[in-house]
């Protein structure tokens, strides 16, 4: 369990073998509830080769001093493209909160 956001990762090893390798990480919100998007790749157990990069959006809750994963959305190429298009449309139409609006962010 991670005590701070910097320690949170999607890396996964089993008996010294990397099964999931984190390629990138971007913290979207910090606080008691934190949101992080990761770029990662998984090892194919049959071929032992890493597959193509993937993305996952995860929410963590800090409880009793440690962050726990509460929810995750794995993004496919199509769902990521759709998300970008919808968000760009909403932003261009002014349908999202004002710039600087922090939403549900709380102190860590």
N, C-alpha and C. Protein backbone atom coordinates (compact mmCIF):
# COMPACT_ATOMS: atom_id res chain seq x y z
N UNK A 1 0.84 -1.19 0.00
CA UNK A 1 0.00 0.00 0.00
C UNK A 1 0.89 1.25 0.00
N UNK A 2 0.47 2.25 -0.73
CA UNK A 2 1.23 3.49 -0.86
C UNK A 2 0.78 4.51 0.18
N UNK A 3 1.74 5.20 0.78
CA UNK A 3 1.43 6.25 1.74
C UNK A 3 1.38 7.63 1.08
N UNK A 4 1.99 7.75 -0.12
CA UNK A 4 1.91 9.01 -0.84
C UNK A 4 1.75 8.72 -2.33
N UNK A 5 1.33 9.71 -3.07
CA UNK A 5 1.01 9.53 -4.49
C UNK A 5 2.22 9.08 -5.30
N UNK A 6 3.39 9.55 -4.94
CA UNK A 6 4.60 9.18 -5.68
C UNK A 6 4.86 7.68 -5.66
N UNK A 7 4.39 6.99 -4.62
CA UNK A 7 4.60 5.55 -4.49
C UNK A 7 3.60 4.72 -5.29
N UNK A 8 2.52 5.32 -5.75
CA UNK A 8 1.48 4.56 -6.46
C UNK A 8 1.98 4.20 -7.85
N UNK A 9 1.84 2.94 -8.21
CA UNK A 9 2.29 2.45 -9.50
C UNK A 9 1.38 1.30 -9.96
N UNK A 10 1.44 0.99 -11.25
CA UNK A 10 0.73 -0.18 -11.77
C UNK A 10 1.71 -1.31 -12.08
N UNK A 11 3.01 -1.08 -11.79
CA UNK A 11 4.00 -2.15 -12.00
C UNK A 11 3.58 -3.40 -11.23
N UNK A 12 3.78 -4.55 -11.85
CA UNK A 12 3.44 -5.82 -11.22
C UNK A 12 4.49 -6.85 -11.56
N UNK A 13 5.03 -7.47 -10.53
CA UNK A 13 6.03 -8.53 -10.72
C UNK A 13 5.54 -9.79 -10.04
N UNK A 14 6.00 -10.94 -10.58
CA UNK A 14 5.72 -12.22 -9.97
C UNK A 14 7.00 -13.05 -10.05
N UNK A 15 7.54 -13.39 -8.90
CA UNK A 15 8.78 -14.16 -8.82
C UNK A 15 9.89 -13.53 -9.65
N UNK A 16 10.02 -12.21 -9.54
CA UNK A 16 11.09 -11.49 -10.23
C UNK A 16 10.82 -11.18 -11.69
N UNK A 17 9.72 -11.66 -12.24
CA UNK A 17 9.39 -11.40 -13.64
C UNK A 17 8.37 -10.26 -13.72
N UNK A 18 8.67 -9.26 -14.54
CA UNK A 18 7.75 -8.14 -14.73
C UNK A 18 6.58 -8.58 -15.58
N UNK A 19 5.37 -8.48 -15.01
CA UNK A 19 4.15 -8.83 -15.74
C UNK A 19 3.47 -7.59 -16.30
N UNK A 20 3.51 -6.49 -15.54
CA UNK A 20 2.95 -5.21 -15.97
C UNK A 20 4.02 -4.16 -15.73
N UNK A 21 4.33 -3.39 -16.79
CA UNK A 21 5.35 -2.37 -16.71
C UNK A 21 4.73 -1.00 -16.93
N UNK A 22 4.86 -0.14 -15.93
CA UNK A 22 4.38 1.23 -16.05
C UNK A 22 5.29 2.02 -16.97
N UNK A 23 4.71 2.69 -17.96
CA UNK A 23 5.48 3.50 -18.90
C UNK A 23 5.39 4.99 -18.60
N UNK A 24 4.26 5.41 -18.04
CA UNK A 24 4.06 6.83 -17.75
C UNK A 24 2.95 6.95 -16.72
N UNK A 25 2.92 8.10 -16.06
CA UNK A 25 1.93 8.34 -15.02
C UNK A 25 1.67 9.84 -14.97
N UNK A 26 0.39 10.21 -14.87
CA UNK A 26 0.03 11.62 -14.73
C UNK A 26 -1.04 11.73 -13.65
N UNK A 27 -0.76 12.52 -12.63
CA UNK A 27 -1.70 12.74 -11.54
C UNK A 27 -2.67 13.83 -11.96
N UNK A 28 -3.96 13.48 -12.03
CA UNK A 28 -4.99 14.46 -12.43
C UNK A 28 -5.51 15.24 -11.23
N UNK A 29 -5.72 14.57 -10.10
CA UNK A 29 -6.15 15.24 -8.87
C UNK A 29 -5.42 14.63 -7.70
N UNK A 30 -5.14 15.46 -6.70
CA UNK A 30 -4.49 15.01 -5.46
C UNK A 30 -5.41 15.29 -4.30
N UNK A 31 -5.26 14.51 -3.26
CA UNK A 31 -6.04 14.73 -2.05
C UNK A 31 -6.47 13.42 -1.46
N UNK A 32 -7.51 13.48 -0.61
CA UNK A 32 -8.04 12.27 -0.01
C UNK A 32 -8.53 11.34 -1.12
N UNK A 33 -9.14 11.91 -2.14
CA UNK A 33 -9.49 11.18 -3.36
C UNK A 33 -8.56 11.67 -4.46
N UNK A 34 -7.79 10.77 -5.04
CA UNK A 34 -6.84 11.14 -6.09
C UNK A 34 -7.14 10.36 -7.36
N UNK A 35 -6.90 11.00 -8.49
CA UNK A 35 -7.14 10.38 -9.79
C UNK A 35 -5.84 10.39 -10.57
N UNK A 36 -5.47 9.23 -11.11
CA UNK A 36 -4.21 9.09 -11.83
C UNK A 36 -4.48 8.34 -13.13
N UNK A 37 -3.85 8.79 -14.21
CA UNK A 37 -3.91 8.05 -15.47
C UNK A 37 -2.52 7.47 -15.72
N UNK A 38 -2.50 6.19 -16.07
CA UNK A 38 -1.26 5.47 -16.31
C UNK A 38 -1.20 4.97 -17.75
N UNK A 39 0.00 4.96 -18.31
CA UNK A 39 0.28 4.26 -19.55
C UNK A 39 1.16 3.09 -19.17
N UNK A 40 0.79 1.89 -19.64
CA UNK A 40 1.49 0.68 -19.22
C UNK A 40 1.45 -0.35 -20.34
N UNK A 41 2.18 -1.44 -20.14
CA UNK A 41 2.09 -2.56 -21.06
C UNK A 41 2.18 -3.85 -20.26
N UNK A 42 1.54 -4.88 -20.79
CA UNK A 42 1.48 -6.18 -20.12
C UNK A 42 2.27 -7.22 -20.90
N UNK A 43 2.88 -8.13 -20.16
CA UNK A 43 3.61 -9.23 -20.78
C UNK A 43 2.63 -10.33 -21.16
N UNK A 44 2.73 -10.81 -22.40
CA UNK A 44 1.93 -11.93 -22.87
C UNK A 44 2.56 -13.21 -22.31
N UNK A 45 1.82 -13.96 -21.54
CA UNK A 45 2.37 -15.14 -20.89
C UNK A 45 2.74 -16.25 -21.88
N UNK A 46 2.09 -16.26 -23.03
CA UNK A 46 2.39 -17.29 -24.03
C UNK A 46 3.67 -16.98 -24.81
N UNK A 47 3.80 -15.72 -25.24
CA UNK A 47 4.96 -15.35 -26.06
C UNK A 47 6.10 -14.75 -25.24
N UNK A 48 5.80 -14.37 -24.00
CA UNK A 48 6.75 -13.72 -23.10
C UNK A 48 7.18 -12.33 -23.60
N UNK A 49 6.47 -11.79 -24.58
CA UNK A 49 6.75 -10.45 -25.12
C UNK A 49 5.74 -9.46 -24.53
N UNK A 50 6.18 -8.21 -24.44
CA UNK A 50 5.25 -7.17 -23.98
C UNK A 50 4.34 -6.77 -25.13
N UNK A 51 3.07 -6.55 -24.80
CA UNK A 51 2.09 -6.11 -25.77
C UNK A 51 2.17 -4.60 -25.97
N UNK A 52 1.24 -4.08 -26.75
CA UNK A 52 1.23 -2.64 -27.03
C UNK A 52 0.85 -1.84 -25.78
N UNK A 53 1.23 -0.56 -25.73
CA UNK A 53 0.86 0.28 -24.59
C UNK A 53 -0.66 0.39 -24.44
N UNK A 54 -1.08 0.46 -23.19
CA UNK A 54 -2.49 0.63 -22.83
C UNK A 54 -2.59 1.79 -21.85
N UNK A 55 -3.82 2.22 -21.56
CA UNK A 55 -4.05 3.29 -20.60
C UNK A 55 -5.11 2.85 -19.60
N UNK A 56 -4.94 3.30 -18.37
CA UNK A 56 -5.94 3.05 -17.33
C UNK A 56 -6.09 4.30 -16.48
N UNK A 57 -7.31 4.62 -16.14
CA UNK A 57 -7.63 5.76 -15.30
C UNK A 57 -8.08 5.19 -13.96
N UNK A 58 -7.42 5.60 -12.87
CA UNK A 58 -7.71 5.00 -11.57
C UNK A 58 -7.96 6.06 -10.51
N UNK A 59 -8.89 5.70 -9.59
CA UNK A 59 -9.21 6.56 -8.45
C UNK A 59 -8.72 5.86 -7.19
N UNK A 60 -8.07 6.65 -6.33
CA UNK A 60 -7.54 6.14 -5.07
C UNK A 60 -8.11 6.97 -3.93
N UNK A 61 -8.37 6.30 -2.80
CA UNK A 61 -8.82 6.98 -1.60
C UNK A 61 -7.78 6.78 -0.51
N UNK A 62 -7.41 7.89 0.15
CA UNK A 62 -6.47 7.78 1.26
C UNK A 62 -7.29 7.49 2.51
N UNK A 63 -6.99 6.35 3.14
CA UNK A 63 -7.74 5.90 4.30
C UNK A 63 -6.74 5.33 5.30
N UNK A 64 -6.77 5.84 6.51
CA UNK A 64 -5.85 5.42 7.57
C UNK A 64 -4.40 5.50 7.11
N UNK A 65 -4.07 6.58 6.38
CA UNK A 65 -2.71 6.86 6.00
C UNK A 65 -2.19 6.19 4.74
N UNK A 66 -3.01 5.37 4.08
CA UNK A 66 -2.56 4.71 2.85
C UNK A 66 -3.60 4.87 1.74
N UNK A 67 -3.09 4.92 0.51
CA UNK A 67 -3.97 5.01 -0.65
C UNK A 67 -4.42 3.62 -1.06
N UNK A 68 -5.71 3.48 -1.32
CA UNK A 68 -6.30 2.23 -1.78
C UNK A 68 -7.03 2.48 -3.09
N UNK A 69 -6.83 1.59 -4.06
CA UNK A 69 -7.53 1.72 -5.34
C UNK A 69 -9.01 1.46 -5.10
N UNK A 70 -9.84 2.38 -5.56
CA UNK A 70 -11.28 2.26 -5.40
C UNK A 70 -12.00 1.98 -6.71
N UNK A 71 -11.41 2.44 -7.82
CA UNK A 71 -12.07 2.24 -9.11
C UNK A 71 -11.04 2.35 -10.22
N UNK A 72 -11.31 1.69 -11.33
CA UNK A 72 -10.41 1.75 -12.48
C UNK A 72 -11.22 1.64 -13.76
N UNK A 73 -10.78 2.38 -14.77
CA UNK A 73 -11.36 2.29 -16.11
C UNK A 73 -10.19 2.06 -17.06
N UNK A 74 -10.20 0.91 -17.72
CA UNK A 74 -9.17 0.62 -18.72
C UNK A 74 -9.64 1.17 -20.05
N UNK A 75 -8.79 1.99 -20.67
CA UNK A 75 -9.17 2.66 -21.91
C UNK A 75 -8.60 1.92 -23.11
N UNK A 76 -9.49 1.62 -24.05
CA UNK A 76 -9.05 1.08 -25.33
C UNK A 76 -8.70 2.27 -26.23
N UNK A 77 -8.11 2.00 -27.35
CA UNK A 77 -7.80 3.08 -28.30
C UNK A 77 -9.08 3.82 -28.67
N UNK A 78 -10.15 3.08 -28.96
CA UNK A 78 -11.42 3.71 -29.35
C UNK A 78 -12.04 4.52 -28.22
N UNK A 79 -12.05 3.97 -27.00
CA UNK A 79 -12.65 4.71 -25.89
C UNK A 79 -11.82 5.94 -25.53
N UNK A 80 -10.50 5.87 -25.66
CA UNK A 80 -9.65 7.03 -25.40
C UNK A 80 -9.92 8.13 -26.41
N UNK A 81 -10.04 7.76 -27.69
CA UNK A 81 -10.34 8.74 -28.73
C UNK A 81 -11.71 9.38 -28.49
N UNK A 82 -12.70 8.59 -28.12
CA UNK A 82 -14.04 9.11 -27.83
C UNK A 82 -14.01 10.08 -26.66
N UNK A 83 -13.27 9.71 -25.62
CA UNK A 83 -13.15 10.57 -24.45
C UNK A 83 -12.54 11.92 -24.83
N UNK A 84 -11.48 11.90 -25.62
CA UNK A 84 -10.83 13.13 -26.07
C UNK A 84 -11.79 13.99 -26.89
N UNK A 85 -12.53 13.38 -27.81
CA UNK A 85 -13.47 14.13 -28.64
C UNK A 85 -14.58 14.77 -27.82
N UNK A 86 -15.14 14.03 -26.88
CA UNK A 86 -16.23 14.56 -26.06
C UNK A 86 -15.72 15.69 -25.17
N UNK A 87 -14.58 15.48 -24.51
CA UNK A 87 -14.03 16.53 -23.65
C UNK A 87 -13.68 17.79 -24.44
N UNK A 88 -13.06 17.63 -25.61
CA UNK A 88 -12.76 18.79 -26.45
C UNK A 88 -14.02 19.53 -26.85
N UNK A 89 -15.07 18.81 -27.20
CA UNK A 89 -16.34 19.43 -27.57
C UNK A 89 -16.91 20.22 -26.40
N UNK A 90 -16.94 19.62 -25.22
CA UNK A 90 -17.46 20.30 -24.04
C UNK A 90 -16.64 21.54 -23.69
N UNK A 91 -15.31 21.41 -23.79
CA UNK A 91 -14.44 22.54 -23.50
C UNK A 91 -14.68 23.66 -24.49
N UNK A 92 -14.74 23.34 -25.77
CA UNK A 92 -14.95 24.36 -26.81
C UNK A 92 -16.30 25.05 -26.68
N UNK A 93 -17.29 24.33 -26.15
CA UNK A 93 -18.62 24.92 -25.96
C UNK A 93 -18.77 25.59 -24.60
N UNK A 94 -17.72 25.56 -23.77
CA UNK A 94 -17.78 26.18 -22.45
C UNK A 94 -18.68 25.44 -21.48
N UNK A 95 -18.83 24.14 -21.67
CA UNK A 95 -19.76 23.36 -20.86
C UNK A 95 -19.13 22.73 -19.62
N UNK A 96 -17.85 22.96 -19.40
CA UNK A 96 -17.19 22.46 -18.19
C UNK A 96 -16.97 23.62 -17.24
N UNK A 97 -16.61 23.29 -15.98
CA UNK A 97 -16.38 24.31 -14.96
C UNK A 97 -15.33 25.32 -15.38
N UNK A 98 -15.32 26.44 -14.70
CA UNK A 98 -14.38 27.52 -15.00
C UNK A 98 -12.95 27.05 -14.80
N UNK A 99 -12.02 27.65 -15.54
CA UNK A 99 -10.61 27.33 -15.40
C UNK A 99 -10.19 27.59 -13.96
N UNK A 100 -9.43 26.64 -13.38
CA UNK A 100 -9.01 26.77 -11.99
C UNK A 100 -9.96 26.13 -11.02
N UNK A 101 -11.14 25.67 -11.48
CA UNK A 101 -12.08 24.96 -10.63
C UNK A 101 -11.45 23.65 -10.23
N UNK A 102 -11.38 23.38 -8.93
CA UNK A 102 -10.66 22.20 -8.43
C UNK A 102 -11.57 21.02 -8.17
N UNK A 103 -12.86 21.14 -8.41
CA UNK A 103 -13.75 19.99 -8.28
C UNK A 103 -13.71 19.42 -6.88
N UNK A 104 -13.45 18.08 -6.78
CA UNK A 104 -13.51 17.40 -5.49
C UNK A 104 -12.15 17.28 -4.79
N UNK A 105 -11.20 18.10 -5.18
CA UNK A 105 -9.89 18.00 -4.57
C UNK A 105 -9.95 18.43 -3.10
N UNK A 106 -9.21 17.70 -2.29
CA UNK A 106 -9.13 18.00 -0.86
C UNK A 106 -7.68 17.98 -0.46
N UNK A 107 -7.39 18.47 0.70
CA UNK A 107 -6.02 18.46 1.21
C UNK A 107 -5.59 17.03 1.45
N UNK A 108 -4.31 16.75 1.18
CA UNK A 108 -3.77 15.42 1.37
C UNK A 108 -3.54 15.11 2.81
